[in-house]
Amino acid sequence: MVDNYTKLGSKKISRLLFSLSLPSMVAMFANAIYNIIDTIFVGRGIGSIGIAAVAIVLPIMAIISSFAHMIGIGTSTLISRKLGKGDVQEVNAIAGNGFLLIILVGVFFSSIGILFTDPIMQAFGATKNILPYAHDYGQIIFVGMLWFPFCVGTNNYLRAEGFAREAMFAMLLGIIINTILDYIFIFPLDMGIRGAALATILGKFATLLYLIRYFAGAKSIITIRLRYLKLQKHILKPSLSVGLSGFGMRSSSSFANIVLNHTLGALGGETAIAIFGIIYKTTLFFGMPLFGLNQGMQPIVGYNYGADNYERVKHTVRLVIKYSLLYGSLAVIFFEVFAREVFTLFTNESALLEQGPRALRIVVMMMWLMGVTTMAMGIHQAMGQAKQAFVLAIQRWVLLITPLILILPNIRGLGLDGVWIAFPTSDFVAAIVSVIILYMTFRRKNLI
C-alpha cells in the first residue's frame, strides 16, 4: 500500500497523470452520460414539465453536494500533503473528521428538505405548473440526502491514496444501477417523476455500500473507527478553508440558478426553463472530463508540493492545461456542429427544438477555455492556497454570470439572448483572470 501512494513522487508524470485521470474521466463521462440518459427518460416518459422539474431540483442537489465536496476536497488534499511529508499516522484522524462532518451534513439537509420541500422548490423558481412534479421528485431525493454526501465526499479519499480505479468503480456502480432502474421505474412500472427520483437515490445507495466495503478492507490505510470520528479544530480549519473553494464552485452555480430560473421564467416561461435544463445537462457532459483531469492532477500536485518537489508540480501543471485546452476545443466543435441533434435526443416538442439548439451554440461558444479556470482552481486547492482557490471557484457563476444575467437582457432589447450571451462572456473573462492569479501564485512561491 505504501508503494502505491509513493509513486506520486517518483513515477513519470505523464503516465501517472494518465493512470489517475483516466479512471476519473471514465467515471465522470459515465456520470455525464447518465445525466443525459436520465433527462431523455424524463423527457420521453413525462415531458418537458418533467425536465423543468428536474432542472429545479438539480441546483438544490448540487448545493448539498457542494458541502460534501467542501469537506471531501479539503480533507483529501490535506491527506495528500501529509502522505507527501510521510506523516501517515495523521491520515486516519483527518479522514475521521471528514466522515463525521459529512454524516452530519447529510442528516441536516435531509431533514430540512423533507420538512420544507415546497417553499424550497418555489424559492428555486418552480412555477405553479412545475411545483407538483418538483415536489414529488424532491421529496424522494431529500431522503437520499442521508447518504448522498458520504458518497460524494469520501470518494476523494480513494484518489488521495492513489486508488483512482476504485473511485471510478464506486461511481460506475451507482450510475449503472441508477440507469437500469430509471428505465424500469419510468416505463414498465409507470412511476413517473417519482420513479426517476427513486432510481437516483438507490443508485447512490449502491455506491455507499461499495465505499463502506472499501474502507473496511485491507487495501486502504484509511479505516472507519469510532475513535477517529471526532471533530478537531486543528484538522478542520485548514481542511475547510481549502475545501471552501470546492463548495464555492459547485454551490455558486446552484445559487446563480435561483436568479437564472426566475429570469428565464420571466423572459421565456416554462419553455426557457426546460431549454436550460437540457443545456445544463449537456454542459455537465462537457465539463465532466475536465473535472476528471482535475481530480487526477490534484494528488500529484498535493503530494509533490508537500514533498517540496516543485519541478514535478510545474511539469504537472503544464500538462493538465495543455490537455484541457485540447479537449475543450474538440468538445466545442462537436456541440456547435451537432446542437440540434443533441436536443432531439431529449425531446420532440417543437418549441424546444426551435429555440434550444441556437441557445446551446451560444452558451458553449467559449467553453473551450473552461479547462484553464478548472485547473487553476484545482492547482490552488492541491497546494493549500485557500483564498485564491475560492476566488477562482466563485468567479464564473457568482462574480460574472449572475450579474450579467441581470444586466444583458436589458441592453438593446437582447431579452432571452442576453441570458445565453452571459455564458461565453463569463468564460472568456474567467480564463484571463485564472491565468493572472495562477502566475501570481507561482511567482510568490518561487515556482517560476
Protein backbone atom coordinates (compact mmCIF):
# COMPACT_ATOMS: atom_id res chain seq x y z
CA MET A 1 0.00 0.00 0.00
CA VAL A 2 2.83 2.38 0.83
CA ASP A 3 4.31 1.72 -2.62
CA ASN A 4 1.00 2.79 -4.14
CA TYR A 5 0.96 6.37 -2.88
CA THR A 6 4.73 6.92 -3.04
CA LYS A 7 4.51 6.55 -6.82
CA LEU A 8 3.05 10.09 -6.76
CA GLY A 9 6.58 11.35 -6.18
CA SER A 10 8.51 9.02 -8.48
CA LYS A 11 6.55 7.72 -11.47
CA LYS A 12 6.75 9.52 -14.83
CA ILE A 13 4.25 12.37 -14.61
CA SER A 14 2.53 11.86 -17.97
CA ARG A 15 1.90 8.19 -17.17
CA LEU A 16 0.91 8.97 -13.60
CA LEU A 17 -1.49 11.69 -14.72
CA PHE A 18 -2.98 9.29 -17.25
CA SER A 19 -3.37 6.47 -14.72
CA LEU A 20 -5.03 8.74 -12.15
CA SER A 21 -7.09 10.87 -14.52
CA LEU A 22 -8.42 8.20 -16.85
CA PRO A 23 -10.49 6.39 -14.19
CA SER A 24 -11.86 9.75 -13.01
CA MET A 25 -12.61 10.76 -16.59
CA VAL A 26 -14.35 7.45 -17.29
CA ALA A 27 -16.44 7.87 -14.15
CA MET A 28 -17.20 11.50 -14.98
CA PHE A 29 -18.07 10.64 -18.57
CA ALA A 30 -20.33 7.87 -17.34
CA ASN A 31 -21.97 10.24 -14.89
CA ALA A 32 -22.50 12.81 -17.64
CA ILE A 33 -23.91 10.17 -19.98
CA TYR A 34 -26.21 9.02 -17.19
CA ASN A 35 -27.41 12.60 -16.68
CA ILE A 36 -28.23 12.81 -20.37
CA ILE A 37 -29.97 9.42 -20.42
CA ASP A 38 -31.90 10.36 -17.28
CA THR A 39 -33.11 13.55 -18.94
CA ILE A 40 -34.04 11.59 -22.09
CA PHE A 41 -36.08 9.15 -19.99
CA VAL A 42 -37.79 12.01 -18.16
CA GLY A 43 -38.40 13.95 -21.38
CA ARG A 44 -39.78 10.98 -23.27
CA GLY A 45 -41.67 9.45 -20.38
CA ILE A 46 -43.01 12.56 -18.63
CA GLY A 47 -42.46 15.50 -20.99
CA SER A 48 -40.95 18.97 -20.81
CA ILE A 49 -42.69 19.62 -17.48
CA GLY A 50 -40.68 16.74 -16.03
CA ILE A 51 -37.42 18.14 -17.44
CA ALA A 52 -38.26 21.52 -15.92
CA ALA A 53 -38.96 19.92 -12.53
CA VAL A 54 -35.61 18.11 -12.56
CA ALA A 55 -33.96 21.40 -13.58
CA ILE A 56 -35.42 22.98 -10.43
CA VAL A 57 -34.20 20.20 -8.13
CA LEU A 58 -30.71 19.77 -9.62
CA PRO A 59 -29.29 23.03 -8.21
CA ILE A 60 -30.60 22.06 -4.76
CA MET A 61 -28.85 18.71 -5.02
CA ALA A 62 -25.72 20.50 -6.15
CA ILE A 63 -25.74 22.84 -3.16
CA ILE A 64 -25.99 19.93 -0.74
CA SER A 65 -23.32 18.01 -2.65
CA SER A 66 -21.11 21.10 -2.54
CA PHE A 67 -20.95 20.88 1.25
CA ALA A 68 -19.77 17.29 0.90
CA HIS A 69 -17.24 18.37 -1.73
CA MET A 70 -16.00 21.10 0.60
CA ILE A 71 -15.28 18.53 3.29
CA GLY A 72 -14.03 15.81 0.93
CA ILE A 73 -11.73 18.01 -1.15
CA GLY A 74 -10.37 19.87 1.87
CA THR A 75 -9.57 16.76 3.88
CA SER A 76 -8.30 14.75 0.89
CA THR A 77 -5.84 17.45 -0.23
CA LEU A 78 -4.60 17.59 3.38
CA ILE A 79 -4.24 13.80 3.30
CA SER A 80 -2.18 14.06 0.09
CA ARG A 81 0.16 16.63 1.61
CA LYS A 82 0.56 14.54 4.79
CA LEU A 83 1.42 11.49 2.69
CA GLY A 84 3.98 13.61 0.81
CA LYS A 85 5.60 14.50 4.13
CA GLY A 86 5.47 10.88 5.27
CA ASP A 87 3.04 11.66 8.11
CA VAL A 88 0.85 8.57 7.73
CA GLN A 89 -0.42 8.50 11.33
CA GLU A 90 -2.35 11.74 10.90
CA VAL A 91 -4.24 10.45 7.86
CA ASN A 92 -6.88 8.47 9.80
CA ALA A 93 -7.55 11.39 12.12
CA ILE A 94 -8.12 13.66 9.12
CA ALA A 95 -10.41 11.14 7.42
CA GLY A 96 -12.34 10.56 10.68
CA ASN A 97 -13.08 14.27 10.94
CA GLY A 98 -14.31 14.18 7.35
CA PHE A 99 -16.51 11.12 7.88
CA LEU A 100 -18.31 12.60 10.88
CA LEU A 101 -18.85 16.03 9.37
CA ILE A 102 -20.19 14.56 6.12
CA ILE A 103 -22.67 12.36 8.04
CA LEU A 104 -23.92 15.40 9.98
CA VAL A 105 -24.35 17.36 6.74
CA GLY A 106 -26.46 14.56 5.26
CA VAL A 107 -28.77 14.30 8.27
CA PHE A 108 -29.22 18.08 8.44
CA PHE A 109 -30.12 18.68 4.79
CA SER A 110 -32.29 15.60 4.52
CA SER A 111 -34.39 16.78 7.47
CA ILE A 112 -34.69 20.36 6.22
CA GLY A 113 -35.58 19.24 2.71
CA ILE A 114 -38.31 16.81 3.74
CA LEU A 115 -39.91 19.38 6.09
CA PHE A 116 -39.83 22.35 3.71
CA THR A 117 -40.00 20.85 0.22
CA ASP A 118 -42.48 23.23 -1.40
CA PRO A 119 -41.00 26.53 -0.11
CA ILE A 120 -37.57 25.36 -1.27
CA MET A 121 -38.86 24.46 -4.74
CA GLN A 122 -40.64 27.81 -5.08
CA ALA A 123 -37.51 29.66 -4.00
CA PHE A 124 -35.58 27.92 -6.78
CA GLY A 125 -38.07 29.03 -9.44
CA ALA A 126 -40.79 26.36 -9.57
CA THR A 127 -43.90 27.76 -11.23
CA LYS A 128 -47.44 26.70 -10.36
CA ASN A 129 -47.41 24.02 -13.06
CA ILE A 130 -43.91 22.74 -12.27
CA LEU A 131 -44.34 22.63 -8.47
CA PRO A 132 -46.28 19.33 -8.16
CA TYR A 133 -43.64 17.49 -10.19
CA ALA A 134 -40.75 19.20 -8.38
CA HIS A 135 -42.40 18.31 -5.04
CA ASP A 136 -42.71 14.60 -5.92
CA TYR A 137 -39.15 14.44 -7.24
CA GLY A 138 -37.65 16.47 -4.39
CA GLN A 139 -39.31 14.59 -1.53
CA ILE A 140 -37.66 11.33 -2.55
CA ILE A 141 -34.32 12.97 -3.36
CA PHE A 142 -34.21 14.51 0.12
CA VAL A 143 -34.47 11.04 1.67
CA GLY A 144 -31.41 10.03 -0.35
CA MET A 145 -29.51 13.02 1.03
CA LEU A 146 -28.89 10.88 4.12
CA TRP A 147 -26.18 9.08 2.10
CA PHE A 148 -25.54 11.32 -0.94
CA PRO A 149 -22.94 13.49 0.86
CA PHE A 150 -20.96 10.45 2.07
CA CYS A 151 -20.71 9.12 -1.49
CA VAL A 152 -19.69 12.49 -2.90
CA GLY A 153 -17.20 13.48 -0.22
CA THR A 154 -15.35 10.29 0.68
CA ASN A 155 -14.75 9.27 -2.94
CA ASN A 156 -11.94 11.86 -2.85
CA TYR A 157 -10.09 9.77 -0.24
CA LEU A 158 -9.65 6.88 -2.66
CA ARG A 159 -7.92 9.17 -5.17
CA ALA A 160 -5.79 10.74 -2.41
CA GLU A 161 -4.42 7.27 -1.67
CA GLY A 162 -3.74 6.69 -5.37
CA PHE A 163 -6.65 4.27 -5.91
CA ALA A 164 -8.34 6.11 -8.78
CA ARG A 165 -9.75 2.90 -10.28
CA GLU A 166 -11.59 2.05 -7.09
CA ALA A 167 -13.02 5.57 -7.01
CA MET A 168 -14.19 5.02 -10.58
CA PHE A 169 -15.80 1.66 -9.74
CA ALA A 170 -17.70 3.25 -6.85
CA MET A 171 -19.21 5.85 -9.18
CA LEU A 172 -19.88 3.45 -12.04
CA LEU A 173 -21.75 1.01 -9.82
CA GLY A 174 -24.20 3.70 -8.76
CA ILE A 175 -24.59 5.05 -12.29
CA ILE A 176 -25.31 1.64 -13.83
CA ILE A 177 -27.90 0.73 -11.20
CA ASN A 178 -29.43 4.21 -11.48
CA THR A 179 -29.78 3.97 -15.27
CA ILE A 180 -31.33 0.48 -15.21
CA LEU A 181 -33.83 1.45 -12.50
CA ASP A 182 -34.60 4.71 -14.31
CA TYR A 183 -35.92 2.80 -17.29
CA ILE A 184 -37.78 0.21 -15.22
CA PHE A 185 -39.47 2.71 -12.90
CA ILE A 186 -40.42 5.29 -15.57
CA PHE A 187 -41.60 3.00 -18.38
CA PRO A 188 -42.65 -0.57 -17.43
CA LEU A 189 -43.77 0.42 -13.91
CA ASP A 190 -45.10 3.86 -15.00
CA MET A 191 -43.97 5.55 -11.76
CA GLY A 192 -43.37 8.89 -13.46
CA ILE A 193 -41.18 11.52 -11.82
CA ARG A 194 -41.17 9.60 -8.53
CA GLY A 195 -39.62 6.64 -10.32
CA ALA A 196 -36.79 8.83 -11.63
CA ALA A 197 -36.08 10.09 -8.11
CA LEU A 198 -36.21 6.62 -6.56
CA ALA A 199 -33.77 5.27 -9.15
CA THR A 200 -31.37 8.11 -8.31
CA ILE A 201 -31.25 7.50 -4.57
CA LEU A 202 -31.00 3.71 -4.93
CA GLY A 203 -28.06 4.10 -7.31
CA LYS A 204 -26.24 6.25 -4.78
CA PHE A 205 -27.06 3.73 -2.04
CA ALA A 206 -25.18 1.10 -4.04
CA THR A 207 -22.17 3.45 -4.14
CA LEU A 208 -22.44 3.88 -0.37
CA LEU A 209 -22.22 0.12 0.18
CA TYR A 210 -19.17 -0.11 -2.09
CA LEU A 211 -17.35 2.68 -0.22
CA ILE A 212 -18.07 1.15 3.19
CA ARG A 213 -16.71 -2.17 1.95
CA TYR A 214 -13.59 -0.43 0.63
CA PHE A 215 -12.80 1.40 3.88
CA ALA A 216 -13.42 -1.80 5.86
CA GLY A 217 -10.93 -3.72 3.69
CA ALA A 218 -7.16 -4.11 3.90
CA LYS A 219 -6.32 -2.05 0.80
CA SER A 220 -6.94 1.37 2.33
CA ILE A 221 -4.85 2.94 5.06
CA ILE A 222 -8.00 4.88 5.94
CA THR A 223 -10.32 2.94 8.24
CA ILE A 224 -13.68 3.86 9.74
CA ARG A 225 -13.23 3.61 13.52
CA LEU A 226 -15.23 5.27 16.30
CA ARG A 227 -12.08 6.68 17.90
CA TYR A 228 -11.38 8.73 14.77
CA LEU A 229 -14.93 10.12 14.50
CA LYS A 230 -14.43 13.35 16.39
CA LEU A 231 -14.16 16.95 15.23
CA GLN A 232 -10.77 18.58 15.78
CA LYS A 233 -10.15 22.25 15.09
CA HIS A 234 -6.53 21.84 14.00
CA ILE A 235 -7.71 19.49 11.23
CA LEU A 236 -10.99 21.11 10.20
CA LYS A 237 -9.71 24.68 9.97
CA PRO A 238 -7.11 24.11 7.21
CA SER A 239 -9.28 21.47 5.53
CA LEU A 240 -12.41 23.58 5.29
CA SER A 241 -10.52 26.70 4.24
CA VAL A 242 -9.20 24.83 1.21
CA GLY A 243 -12.44 22.90 0.68
CA LEU A 244 -14.38 26.16 0.63
CA SER A 245 -13.32 26.60 -2.99
CA GLY A 246 -14.92 23.25 -3.87
CA PHE A 247 -18.06 24.41 -2.13
CA GLY A 248 -17.90 27.71 -3.98
CA MET A 249 -17.50 26.12 -7.38
CA ARG A 250 -20.46 23.77 -7.03
CA SER A 251 -22.81 25.85 -4.92
CA SER A 252 -22.24 29.07 -6.83
CA SER A 253 -23.87 27.64 -9.94
CA SER A 254 -26.80 26.48 -7.85
CA PHE A 255 -27.34 29.82 -6.17
CA ALA A 256 -26.98 31.51 -9.55
CA ASN A 257 -29.66 29.15 -10.85
CA ILE A 258 -32.14 30.78 -8.50
CA VAL A 259 -31.64 34.05 -10.37
CA LEU A 260 -31.39 32.21 -13.67
CA ASN A 261 -34.63 30.23 -13.32
CA HIS A 262 -36.61 33.28 -12.25
CA THR A 263 -35.14 35.30 -15.14
CA LEU A 264 -35.81 32.53 -17.66
CA GLY A 265 -39.34 32.17 -16.35
CA ALA A 266 -39.99 35.89 -16.76
CA LEU A 267 -38.45 36.16 -20.24
CA GLY A 268 -39.36 32.81 -21.81
CA GLY A 269 -41.66 30.92 -19.46
CA GLU A 270 -41.50 27.20 -18.75
CA THR A 271 -40.09 26.51 -22.22
CA ALA A 272 -36.99 28.57 -21.47
CA ILE A 273 -36.52 26.76 -18.13
CA ALA A 274 -36.80 23.40 -19.90
CA ILE A 275 -34.31 24.51 -22.58
CA PHE A 276 -31.79 25.44 -19.95
CA GLY A 277 -32.45 22.15 -18.18
CA ILE A 278 -31.25 20.36 -21.32
CA ILE A 279 -28.32 22.76 -21.80
CA TYR A 280 -27.29 22.30 -18.17
CA LYS A 281 -27.21 18.53 -18.52
CA THR A 282 -25.33 18.86 -21.83
CA THR A 283 -22.70 21.19 -20.42
CA LEU A 284 -22.28 18.83 -17.47
CA PHE A 285 -21.25 16.28 -20.08
CA PHE A 286 -18.84 18.87 -21.48
CA GLY A 287 -17.28 19.59 -18.09
CA MET A 288 -17.01 16.12 -16.57
CA PRO A 289 -13.76 15.09 -18.34
CA LEU A 290 -12.19 18.35 -17.17
CA PHE A 291 -13.21 17.58 -13.60
CA GLY A 292 -11.79 14.08 -14.05
CA LEU A 293 -8.46 15.50 -15.24
CA ASN A 294 -8.52 17.92 -12.31
CA GLN A 295 -9.13 15.08 -9.84
CA GLY A 296 -6.28 13.07 -11.30
CA MET A 297 -3.96 16.07 -11.12
CA GLN A 298 -4.62 17.06 -7.50
CA PRO A 299 -2.98 14.10 -5.69
CA ILE A 300 0.15 14.57 -7.82
CA VAL A 301 0.41 18.30 -7.16
CA GLY A 302 -0.53 17.94 -3.47
CA TYR A 303 1.95 15.12 -2.79
CA ASN A 304 4.88 16.76 -4.59
CA TYR A 305 4.14 20.20 -3.18
CA GLY A 306 4.18 18.64 0.30
CA ALA A 307 7.48 16.92 -0.57
CA ASP A 308 8.98 20.22 -1.89
CA ASN A 309 9.42 18.63 -5.32
CA TYR A 310 8.48 21.74 -7.27
CA GLU A 311 9.74 20.65 -10.68
CA ARG A 312 7.17 17.86 -10.71
CA VAL A 313 4.49 20.35 -9.68
CA LYS A 314 5.32 22.66 -12.61
CA HIS A 315 5.51 19.79 -15.08
CA THR A 316 2.09 18.53 -13.97
CA VAL A 317 0.56 21.99 -14.30
CA ARG A 318 1.85 22.44 -17.86
CA LEU A 319 0.47 19.07 -18.92
CA VAL A 320 -3.03 19.49 -17.47
CA ILE A 321 -3.52 22.94 -19.00
CA LYS A 322 -2.38 21.69 -22.41
CA TYR A 323 -4.66 18.65 -22.25
CA SER A 324 -7.65 20.67 -21.05
CA LEU A 325 -7.37 23.19 -23.90
CA LEU A 326 -7.11 20.42 -26.48
CA TYR A 327 -10.15 18.60 -25.13
CA GLY A 328 -12.17 21.83 -24.75
CA SER A 329 -11.57 22.85 -28.37
CA LEU A 330 -12.71 19.48 -29.72
CA ALA A 331 -15.79 19.45 -27.47
CA VAL A 332 -16.91 22.94 -28.52
CA ILE A 333 -16.64 21.99 -32.20
CA PHE A 334 -18.80 18.92 -31.57
CA PHE A 335 -21.59 20.80 -29.77
CA GLU A 336 -21.59 23.67 -32.27
CA VAL A 337 -21.98 21.26 -35.20
CA PHE A 338 -24.46 18.84 -33.59
CA ALA A 339 -26.54 21.18 -31.40
CA ARG A 340 -29.86 20.22 -32.99
CA GLU A 341 -29.08 16.52 -32.84
CA VAL A 342 -28.31 16.92 -29.14
CA PHE A 343 -31.72 18.46 -28.48
CA THR A 344 -33.58 15.81 -30.47
CA LEU A 345 -32.19 13.23 -28.04
CA PHE A 346 -34.18 14.83 -25.23
CA THR A 347 -37.43 15.94 -26.78
CA ASN A 348 -39.62 16.09 -29.88
CA GLU A 349 -41.51 19.22 -28.73
CA SER A 350 -41.36 21.84 -31.47
CA ALA A 351 -40.85 24.84 -29.17
CA LEU A 352 -37.77 23.30 -27.58
CA LEU A 353 -36.34 22.17 -30.92
CA GLU A 354 -36.92 25.60 -32.45
CA GLN A 355 -35.20 27.65 -29.73
CA GLY A 356 -32.88 25.19 -27.97
CA PRO A 357 -30.08 24.46 -30.50
CA ARG A 358 -29.35 28.16 -31.07
CA ALA A 359 -29.20 28.75 -27.31
CA LEU A 360 -26.83 25.80 -26.86
CA ARG A 361 -24.47 27.10 -29.57
CA ILE A 362 -24.27 30.49 -27.85
CA VAL A 363 -23.73 29.03 -24.36
CA VAL A 364 -20.84 26.70 -25.31
CA MET A 365 -19.07 29.17 -27.62
CA MET A 366 -16.19 29.97 -25.24
CA MET A 367 -16.28 26.87 -23.05
CA TRP A 368 -13.05 25.61 -24.64
CA LEU A 369 -11.40 27.93 -22.08
CA MET A 370 -13.19 26.37 -19.11
CA GLY A 371 -10.34 23.93 -18.52
CA VAL A 372 -7.97 26.78 -17.69
CA THR A 373 -10.28 28.00 -14.93
CA THR A 374 -10.93 24.49 -13.59
CA MET A 375 -7.25 23.52 -13.49
CA ALA A 376 -6.18 26.82 -11.92
CA MET A 377 -8.66 26.30 -9.11
CA GLY A 378 -7.64 22.65 -8.62
CA ILE A 379 -3.94 23.55 -8.52
CA HIS A 380 -4.55 26.10 -5.76
CA GLN A 381 -6.63 23.55 -3.83
CA ALA A 382 -3.86 20.95 -4.04
CA MET A 383 -1.27 23.47 -2.83
CA GLY A 384 -3.46 24.59 0.08
CA GLN A 385 -3.93 28.13 -1.31
CA ALA A 386 -7.44 28.60 0.04
CA LYS A 387 -8.15 32.27 -0.78
CA GLN A 388 -7.06 32.07 -4.39
CA ALA A 389 -8.90 28.78 -4.90
CA PHE A 390 -12.11 30.26 -3.52
CA VAL A 391 -11.98 33.33 -5.77
CA LEU A 392 -11.38 31.11 -8.80
CA ALA A 393 -14.24 28.84 -7.73
CA ILE A 394 -16.91 31.53 -7.50
CA GLN A 395 -15.81 33.88 -10.25
CA ARG A 396 -17.70 32.24 -13.14
CA TRP A 397 -21.16 31.92 -11.61
CA VAL A 398 -21.24 34.48 -8.80
CA LEU A 399 -18.95 37.27 -9.98
CA LEU A 400 -19.66 37.05 -13.70
CA ILE A 401 -22.69 35.07 -14.89
CA THR A 402 -25.19 36.21 -12.23
CA PRO A 403 -24.69 39.98 -12.72
CA LEU A 404 -24.57 39.55 -16.50
CA ILE A 405 -27.86 37.61 -16.44
CA LEU A 406 -29.46 40.63 -14.77
CA ILE A 407 -27.76 43.24 -16.98
CA LEU A 408 -27.52 41.89 -20.54
CA PRO A 409 -31.23 41.16 -21.20
CA ASN A 410 -31.91 44.87 -20.69
CA ILE A 411 -29.26 46.05 -23.17
CA ARG A 412 -30.57 46.88 -26.67
CA GLY A 413 -33.55 44.59 -26.22
CA LEU A 414 -31.47 41.41 -26.04
CA GLY A 415 -34.05 39.77 -23.80
CA LEU A 416 -33.58 36.00 -23.58
CA ASP A 417 -30.50 36.18 -25.81
CA GLY A 418 -28.85 38.27 -23.10
CA VAL A 419 -29.10 35.30 -20.74
CA TRP A 420 -27.38 32.99 -23.22
CA ILE A 421 -24.67 35.55 -24.08
CA ALA A 422 -23.77 35.85 -20.39
CA PHE A 423 -22.14 32.40 -20.52
CA PRO A 424 -19.46 32.86 -23.24
CA THR A 425 -18.69 36.35 -21.93
CA SER A 426 -18.07 34.92 -18.46
CA ASP A 427 -15.95 32.01 -19.72
CA PHE A 428 -13.63 34.38 -21.60
CA VAL A 429 -13.13 36.77 -18.68
CA ALA A 430 -12.76 33.91 -16.16
CA ALA A 431 -9.94 32.31 -18.17
CA ILE A 432 -7.96 35.56 -18.26
CA VAL A 433 -8.38 36.11 -14.51
CA SER A 434 -7.37 32.49 -13.80
CA VAL A 435 -4.11 32.80 -15.71
CA ILE A 436 -3.23 36.02 -13.88
CA ILE A 437 -3.92 34.55 -10.43
CA LEU A 438 -2.01 31.33 -11.22
CA TYR A 439 1.01 33.33 -12.43
CA MET A 440 0.98 35.50 -9.30
CA THR A 441 0.82 32.42 -7.03
CA PHE A 442 3.69 30.67 -8.77
CA ARG A 443 5.78 33.81 -8.67
CA ARG A 444 5.11 34.31 -4.94
CA LYS A 445 6.04 30.68 -4.22
CA ASN A 446 9.21 30.96 -6.35
CA LEU A 447 7.95 28.30 -8.73
CA ILE A 448 8.86 30.36 -11.83
